[in-house]
């Protein structure tokens, strides 16, 4: 009978570990969604500034907008990498 008990304990531990992994991935996904929403809002603000700048100086506004978008994308990638490390997830 003790063999059956041990098997049950192992199954419980495995189930608990799987639940913890699912929770960790779920929290990661939720944080990534918040991150994307934040950056989408910032990107929309940049676009609005760009459109306002077009009225004044088209070429300068375009260059500034492209540079800001590049910076924003780099920042977004750094944040996603930080979240992956925080949650211990691979690039998959």
Protein backbone atom coordinates (compact mmCIF):
# COMPACT_ATOMS: atom_id res chain seq x y z
CA UNK A 1 0.00 0.00 0.00
CA UNK A 2 2.82 2.37 0.71
CA UNK A 3 3.79 2.10 -2.95
CA UNK A 4 0.36 3.41 -3.89
CA UNK A 5 0.70 6.28 -1.47
CA UNK A 6 4.08 7.23 -2.89
CA UNK A 7 2.67 7.22 -6.40
CA UNK A 8 -0.17 9.48 -5.30
CA UNK A 9 2.25 11.90 -3.65
CA UNK A 10 4.40 12.04 -6.77
CA UNK A 11 1.34 12.63 -8.92
CA UNK A 12 0.24 15.41 -6.57
CA UNK A 13 3.69 17.03 -6.75
CA UNK A 14 3.74 16.77 -10.54
CA UNK A 15 0.25 18.26 -10.77
CA UNK A 16 1.26 21.06 -8.41
CA UNK A 17 4.38 21.77 -10.49
CA UNK A 18 2.34 21.83 -13.70
CA UNK A 19 -0.19 24.19 -12.09
CA UNK A 20 2.63 26.49 -10.98
CA UNK A 21 4.10 26.47 -14.49
CA UNK A 22 0.71 27.31 -16.02
CA UNK A 23 0.24 30.13 -13.50
CA UNK A 24 3.72 31.50 -14.27
CA UNK A 25 3.04 31.44 -18.01
CA UNK A 26 -0.38 33.00 -17.46
CA UNK A 27 1.16 35.84 -15.41
CA UNK A 28 3.82 36.33 -18.08
CA UNK A 29 1.17 36.50 -20.81
CA UNK A 30 -0.85 39.02 -18.80
CA UNK A 31 2.21 41.20 -18.22
CA UNK A 32 3.11 41.01 -21.92
CA UNK A 33 -0.42 42.08 -22.83
CA UNK A 34 -0.13 45.08 -20.47
CA UNK A 35 3.26 45.87 -21.99
CA UNK A 36 1.87 45.77 -25.53
CA UNK A 37 -1.07 47.98 -24.56
CA UNK A 38 1.28 50.53 -22.97
CA UNK A 39 3.50 50.63 -26.03
CA UNK A 40 0.54 50.80 -28.40
CA UNK A 41 -0.69 53.88 -26.54
CA UNK A 42 2.76 55.45 -26.70
CA UNK A 43 3.02 54.62 -30.39
CA UNK A 44 -0.33 56.34 -31.01
CA UNK A 45 0.95 59.44 -29.21
CA UNK A 46 4.07 59.42 -31.39
CA UNK A 47 1.89 59.14 -34.48
CA UNK A 48 -0.21 62.09 -33.33
CA UNK A 49 2.93 64.16 -32.76
CA UNK A 50 4.16 63.12 -36.19
CA UNK A 51 0.92 64.20 -37.85
CA UNK A 52 1.03 67.53 -36.02
CA UNK A 53 4.67 67.94 -37.04
CA UNK A 54 3.83 67.25 -40.68
CA UNK A 55 1.91 70.47 -40.79
CA UNK A 56 5.04 72.37 -39.76
CA UNK A 57 7.99 70.55 -41.32
CA UNK A 58 7.34 67.31 -43.13
CA UNK A 59 10.91 66.01 -43.54
CA UNK A 60 12.04 66.75 -40.01
CA UNK A 61 8.82 65.32 -38.57
CA UNK A 62 9.26 62.12 -40.59
CA UNK A 63 12.87 61.61 -39.45
CA UNK A 64 11.99 62.30 -35.83
CA UNK A 65 9.00 59.95 -35.98
CA UNK A 66 11.08 57.10 -37.46
CA UNK A 67 13.78 57.56 -34.82
CA UNK A 68 11.21 57.59 -32.02
CA UNK A 69 9.56 54.44 -33.40
CA UNK A 70 12.94 52.69 -33.52
CA UNK A 71 13.67 53.72 -29.93
CA UNK A 72 10.23 52.55 -28.83
CA UNK A 73 10.68 49.17 -30.54
CA UNK A 74 14.08 48.68 -28.87
CA UNK A 75 12.60 49.57 -25.49
CA UNK A 76 9.68 47.17 -26.06
CA UNK A 77 12.11 44.36 -26.93
CA UNK A 78 14.20 45.04 -23.80
CA UNK A 79 11.05 44.95 -21.65
CA UNK A 80 9.86 41.68 -23.20
CA UNK A 81 13.31 40.15 -22.61
CA UNK A 82 13.22 41.36 -19.01
CA UNK A 83 9.80 39.72 -18.55
CA UNK A 84 11.06 36.47 -20.11
CA UNK A 85 13.99 36.43 -17.67
CA UNK A 86 11.76 37.40 -14.73
CA UNK A 87 9.39 34.52 -15.45
CA UNK A 88 12.21 32.16 -16.42
CA UNK A 89 10.80 31.49 -19.88
CA UNK A 90 12.78 30.61 -22.97
CA UNK A 91 12.43 32.38 -26.32
CA UNK A 92 9.73 30.01 -27.55
